[in-house]
Amino acid sequence: MRKLTILTLILVAAVAAQAQITVADFEGGVNNGNWTFGFGDIEPTGGNPGGWYHTAGLDAPYPVFTCEYGAEGFTGDYVTTGVTRISADFICNDSSNQWIGTFMFCVFLRNDMGTPTNIEDDIFVYPNPENWTCPDIGEGWVYYEFDIPSDFVGGPGELPEGWLGGSYYTGNASFPEDALWQDVLSGIGRLEFWWNHPDWAAIFATFDVGADNIIVERQGSVAVKQETLSGVKALFE
């Protein structure tokens, strides 16, 4: 009976912890959060592992992978819910930009001020992209992990160390002097992944790219440190 009770408690704790993780792994053809590069399809095999989101023939300066505005679990109040980490896997199968593997890469947290159709009031923050580069052509799946200091409290215009920000009017790398980090993170309207420094331009090119295992972790969640989501997926089998 004692062993059964302990096992039950462990299972209950595991379920509670799992509830703190929001995942888009594209298994079974499900796109949790309606993620997209603008268009694409869910492939049942070839991901990291299993299902993945695939876009071939993208014609753009660089890929940007986004969830839909207000996607449950991926957006909302990062401060109150204690978001601690965001991670994902990406792949570049081919591109006419042979230097894509040298481009910077970052996660991009956008506060749309509750008006997703009006970008003019948007404020956003992102970790310094100099710390990451995009997947190179033929490199295979690349794992990215970003720590989110949602508990940071600063004054107007202040950002955590290693973070940048901007707005529609001040530019992509100039955080408004009157903006508060905690206010921005308390209303994330869309989560994005940029395959370039948000303040840099690039010429148009074609891309064959993919994404898998988009994860948002919160305080008390199971740590996801491995380079794939296979361990987390196994918890639900």
Protein backbone atom coordinates (compact mmCIF):
# COMPACT_ATOMS: atom_id res chain seq x y z
CA MET A 1 0.00 0.00 0.00
CA ARG A 2 2.87 2.38 0.88
CA LYS A 3 4.52 1.76 -2.50
CA LEU A 4 1.21 2.33 -4.27
CA THR A 5 0.64 5.60 -2.39
CA ILE A 6 4.12 6.85 -3.24
CA LEU A 7 3.65 5.89 -6.88
CA THR A 8 0.31 7.68 -6.97
CA LEU A 9 1.85 10.83 -5.51
CA ILE A 10 4.66 10.70 -8.05
CA LEU A 11 2.17 10.35 -10.91
CA VAL A 12 0.04 13.21 -9.60
CA ALA A 13 3.12 15.42 -9.27
CA ALA A 14 4.25 14.50 -12.77
CA VAL A 15 0.87 15.36 -14.26
CA ALA A 16 0.83 18.69 -12.41
CA ALA A 17 4.32 19.50 -13.65
CA GLN A 18 3.48 18.52 -17.22
CA ALA A 19 0.55 20.94 -17.11
CA GLN A 20 3.12 23.77 -16.82
CA ILE A 21 4.55 23.01 -20.28
CA THR A 22 2.90 24.12 -23.51
CA VAL A 23 4.07 22.11 -26.52
CA ALA A 24 3.60 22.18 -30.27
CA ASP A 25 5.16 18.94 -31.56
CA PHE A 26 2.90 18.50 -34.63
CA GLU A 27 2.16 14.87 -33.80
CA GLY A 28 -1.01 13.45 -35.34
CA GLY A 29 -1.26 16.40 -37.70
CA VAL A 30 -2.11 18.79 -34.83
CA ASN A 31 -0.73 22.35 -34.97
CA ASN A 32 -1.15 23.60 -31.40
CA GLY A 33 -0.91 27.38 -31.66
CA ASN A 34 -1.37 27.47 -35.45
CA TRP A 35 2.34 27.97 -36.06
CA THR A 36 3.48 28.97 -39.52
CA PHE A 37 6.24 30.41 -41.70
CA GLY A 38 3.40 31.99 -43.68
CA PHE A 39 2.36 28.70 -45.27
CA GLY A 40 3.35 25.05 -45.01
CA ASP A 41 2.29 21.53 -44.11
CA ILE A 42 2.65 19.12 -41.22
CA GLU A 43 4.78 16.14 -42.20
CA PRO A 44 4.09 12.91 -40.25
CA THR A 45 7.72 11.75 -40.23
CA GLY A 46 11.18 13.28 -40.44
CA GLY A 47 10.85 15.58 -37.43
CA ASN A 48 12.88 15.52 -34.24
CA PRO A 49 11.31 13.01 -33.93
CA GLY A 50 8.00 12.26 -35.67
CA GLY A 51 5.76 15.03 -36.96
CA TRP A 52 7.06 18.47 -37.90
CA TYR A 53 6.04 21.67 -39.69
CA HIS A 54 7.53 21.96 -43.18
CA THR A 55 7.64 24.91 -45.56
CA ALA A 56 9.18 24.56 -49.01
CA GLY A 57 9.40 27.38 -51.54
CA LEU A 58 9.36 30.24 -49.04
CA ASP A 59 10.38 33.45 -50.83
CA ALA A 60 11.45 36.00 -48.21
CA PRO A 61 14.47 37.89 -46.88
CA TYR A 62 14.59 35.31 -44.07
CA PRO A 63 12.14 32.95 -42.31
CA VAL A 64 10.03 34.09 -39.36
CA PHE A 65 8.09 31.39 -37.52
CA THR A 66 5.05 32.61 -35.58
CA CYS A 67 2.09 31.33 -33.63
CA GLU A 68 -1.31 32.91 -34.10
CA TYR A 69 -2.13 35.99 -32.05
CA GLY A 70 -3.40 35.01 -28.62
CA ALA A 71 -2.44 31.32 -28.99
CA GLU A 72 -3.23 29.73 -25.63
CA GLY A 73 -0.15 28.69 -23.66
CA PHE A 74 2.29 30.42 -26.01
CA THR A 75 1.09 33.97 -25.36
CA GLY A 76 -0.45 35.92 -22.49
CA ASP A 77 0.92 37.05 -19.13
CA TYR A 78 4.48 35.70 -18.89
CA VAL A 79 5.02 37.46 -15.56
CA THR A 80 2.09 36.06 -13.60
CA THR A 81 2.47 32.57 -15.06
CA GLY A 82 6.24 32.62 -14.48
CA VAL A 83 7.54 31.69 -17.93
CA THR A 84 11.14 30.56 -17.48
CA ARG A 85 12.26 29.03 -20.77
CA ILE A 86 11.35 28.78 -24.44
CA SER A 87 12.89 26.16 -26.71
CA ALA A 88 12.44 24.79 -30.22
CA ASP A 89 14.04 22.73 -32.99
CA PHE A 90 14.61 24.12 -36.49
CA ILE A 91 16.04 22.81 -39.74
CA CYS A 92 17.13 24.28 -43.08
CA ASN A 93 16.98 21.71 -45.85
CA ASP A 94 17.87 24.11 -48.64
CA SER A 95 18.13 27.80 -49.48
CA SER A 96 19.34 30.06 -52.27
CA ASN A 97 21.01 32.07 -49.48
CA GLN A 98 24.17 30.04 -49.00
CA TRP A 99 25.09 32.15 -45.95
CA ILE A 100 21.92 31.52 -43.96
CA GLY A 101 23.94 29.49 -41.44
CA THR A 102 25.82 32.66 -40.48
CA PHE A 103 22.67 34.72 -39.87
CA MET A 104 21.75 35.49 -36.26
CA PHE A 105 18.75 33.82 -34.65
CA CYS A 106 16.47 34.74 -31.75
CA VAL A 107 13.12 34.31 -30.07
CA PHE A 108 10.95 37.43 -30.31
CA LEU A 109 8.29 38.35 -27.74
CA ARG A 110 5.69 40.74 -29.13
CA ASN A 111 3.20 42.73 -27.04
CA ASP A 112 0.49 43.88 -29.43
CA MET A 113 -1.32 45.96 -26.80
CA GLY A 114 -4.45 43.92 -27.45
CA THR A 115 -4.70 45.19 -31.04
CA PRO A 116 -3.24 42.48 -33.29
CA THR A 117 -4.37 44.25 -36.47
CA ASN A 118 -2.53 47.45 -35.53
CA ILE A 119 1.26 47.06 -35.45
CA GLU A 120 1.83 50.74 -34.72
CA ASP A 121 1.39 50.25 -30.96
CA ASP A 122 3.50 47.08 -30.70
CA ILE A 123 6.40 46.80 -28.25
CA PHE A 124 8.75 43.82 -28.29
CA VAL A 125 11.81 42.31 -26.62
CA TYR A 126 14.31 39.63 -27.61
CA PRO A 127 17.62 38.19 -26.35
CA ASN A 128 20.73 39.45 -28.13
CA PRO A 129 20.80 37.42 -31.37
CA GLU A 130 24.61 37.45 -31.42
CA ASN A 131 24.50 34.38 -29.20
CA TRP A 132 22.82 32.13 -31.81
CA THR A 133 23.03 31.41 -35.53
CA CYS A 134 20.47 29.93 -37.91
CA PRO A 135 20.56 26.28 -38.95
CA ASP A 136 22.93 25.80 -41.85
CA ILE A 137 21.83 24.11 -45.06
CA GLY A 138 21.87 20.35 -44.59
CA GLU A 139 22.98 20.62 -40.96
CA GLY A 140 19.94 18.75 -39.68
CA TRP A 141 17.85 19.64 -36.67
CA VAL A 142 19.24 22.36 -34.41
CA TYR A 143 18.01 22.83 -30.85
CA TYR A 144 17.53 26.34 -29.44
CA GLU A 145 16.91 27.27 -25.82
CA PHE A 146 16.19 30.72 -24.40
CA ASP A 147 15.97 31.57 -20.70
CA ILE A 148 13.17 34.08 -20.04
CA PRO A 149 13.75 36.33 -16.98
CA SER A 150 10.06 36.97 -16.40
CA ASP A 151 10.78 37.88 -12.77
CA PHE A 152 13.01 40.82 -13.71
CA VAL A 153 11.83 44.14 -12.28
CA GLY A 154 13.34 47.27 -13.79
CA GLY A 155 12.61 50.92 -14.24
CA PRO A 156 11.39 52.65 -17.40
CA GLY A 157 13.55 51.75 -20.39
CA GLU A 158 15.51 49.09 -18.50
CA LEU A 159 15.98 45.56 -19.82
CA PRO A 160 17.57 42.44 -18.32
CA GLU A 161 21.22 41.92 -19.17
CA GLY A 162 21.60 40.47 -22.65
CA TRP A 163 18.20 41.60 -23.90
CA LEU A 164 17.19 44.13 -26.54
CA GLY A 165 13.85 45.66 -27.43
CA GLY A 166 12.02 48.08 -29.62
CA SER A 167 8.73 49.35 -30.90
CA TYR A 168 7.07 50.40 -34.13
CA TYR A 169 8.08 54.03 -33.62
CA THR A 170 11.49 53.72 -31.93
CA GLY A 171 12.82 50.96 -34.18
CA ASN A 172 13.60 47.30 -33.74
CA ALA A 173 16.63 47.84 -31.50
CA SER A 174 15.62 50.88 -29.45
CA PHE A 175 13.49 50.05 -26.42
CA PRO A 176 11.14 52.95 -25.53
CA GLU A 177 12.44 54.99 -22.61
CA ASP A 178 9.04 54.97 -20.90
CA ALA A 179 8.33 51.25 -21.36
CA LEU A 180 8.57 48.70 -18.56
CA TRP A 181 9.87 45.17 -19.12
CA GLN A 182 7.26 43.68 -16.81
CA ASP A 183 4.46 45.49 -18.67
CA VAL A 184 5.67 44.13 -22.01
CA LEU A 185 5.90 40.56 -20.72
CA SER A 186 2.51 40.74 -19.04
CA GLY A 187 0.77 40.94 -22.41
CA ILE A 188 2.60 38.86 -25.02
CA GLY A 189 0.28 38.68 -28.02
CA ARG A 190 2.46 36.59 -30.31
CA LEU A 191 5.56 34.41 -29.95
CA GLU A 192 7.95 34.50 -32.89
CA PHE A 193 11.31 33.05 -33.99
CA TRP A 194 13.42 35.26 -36.27
CA TRP A 195 16.10 33.86 -38.57
CA ASN A 196 17.97 37.17 -38.51
CA HIS A 197 18.70 40.08 -36.21
CA PRO A 198 15.38 41.97 -36.00
CA ASP A 199 17.20 45.22 -36.80
CA TRP A 200 18.97 43.87 -39.88
CA ALA A 201 17.78 43.64 -43.47
CA ALA A 202 18.46 40.93 -46.04
CA ILE A 203 17.81 40.32 -49.72
CA PHE A 204 15.03 37.96 -50.79
CA ALA A 205 15.91 34.29 -51.10
CA THR A 206 14.13 30.94 -51.25
CA PHE A 207 13.99 28.57 -48.30
CA ASP A 208 13.04 24.98 -47.49
CA VAL A 209 12.75 25.00 -43.70
CA GLY A 210 11.04 23.25 -40.82
CA ALA A 211 10.21 23.47 -37.13
CA ASP A 212 9.42 21.05 -34.32
CA ASN A 213 8.96 20.90 -30.55
CA ILE A 214 8.05 24.48 -29.70
CA ILE A 215 8.00 24.54 -25.90
CA VAL A 216 7.09 27.20 -23.33
CA GLU A 217 8.06 26.27 -19.77
CA ARG A 218 6.80 27.85 -16.56
CA GLN A 219 7.84 27.75 -12.91
CA GLY A 220 7.43 24.24 -11.55
CA SER A 221 7.51 22.60 -14.96
CA VAL A 222 9.60 19.59 -15.91
CA ALA A 223 12.99 20.83 -17.10
CA VAL A 224 13.49 20.18 -20.79
CA LYS A 225 17.24 20.06 -21.28
CA GLN A 226 17.67 17.35 -23.90
CA GLU A 227 18.20 18.28 -27.52
CA THR A 228 14.92 16.71 -28.64
CA LEU A 229 11.46 16.37 -27.19
CA SER A 230 11.54 12.57 -27.29
CA GLY A 231 11.82 12.35 -23.51
CA VAL A 232 8.86 14.64 -22.92
CA LYS A 233 6.75 12.86 -25.55
CA ALA A 234 7.45 9.58 -23.78
CA LEU A 235 5.82 10.96 -20.63
CA PHE A 236 2.49 11.04 -22.42
CA GLU A 237 2.65 7.56 -23.97
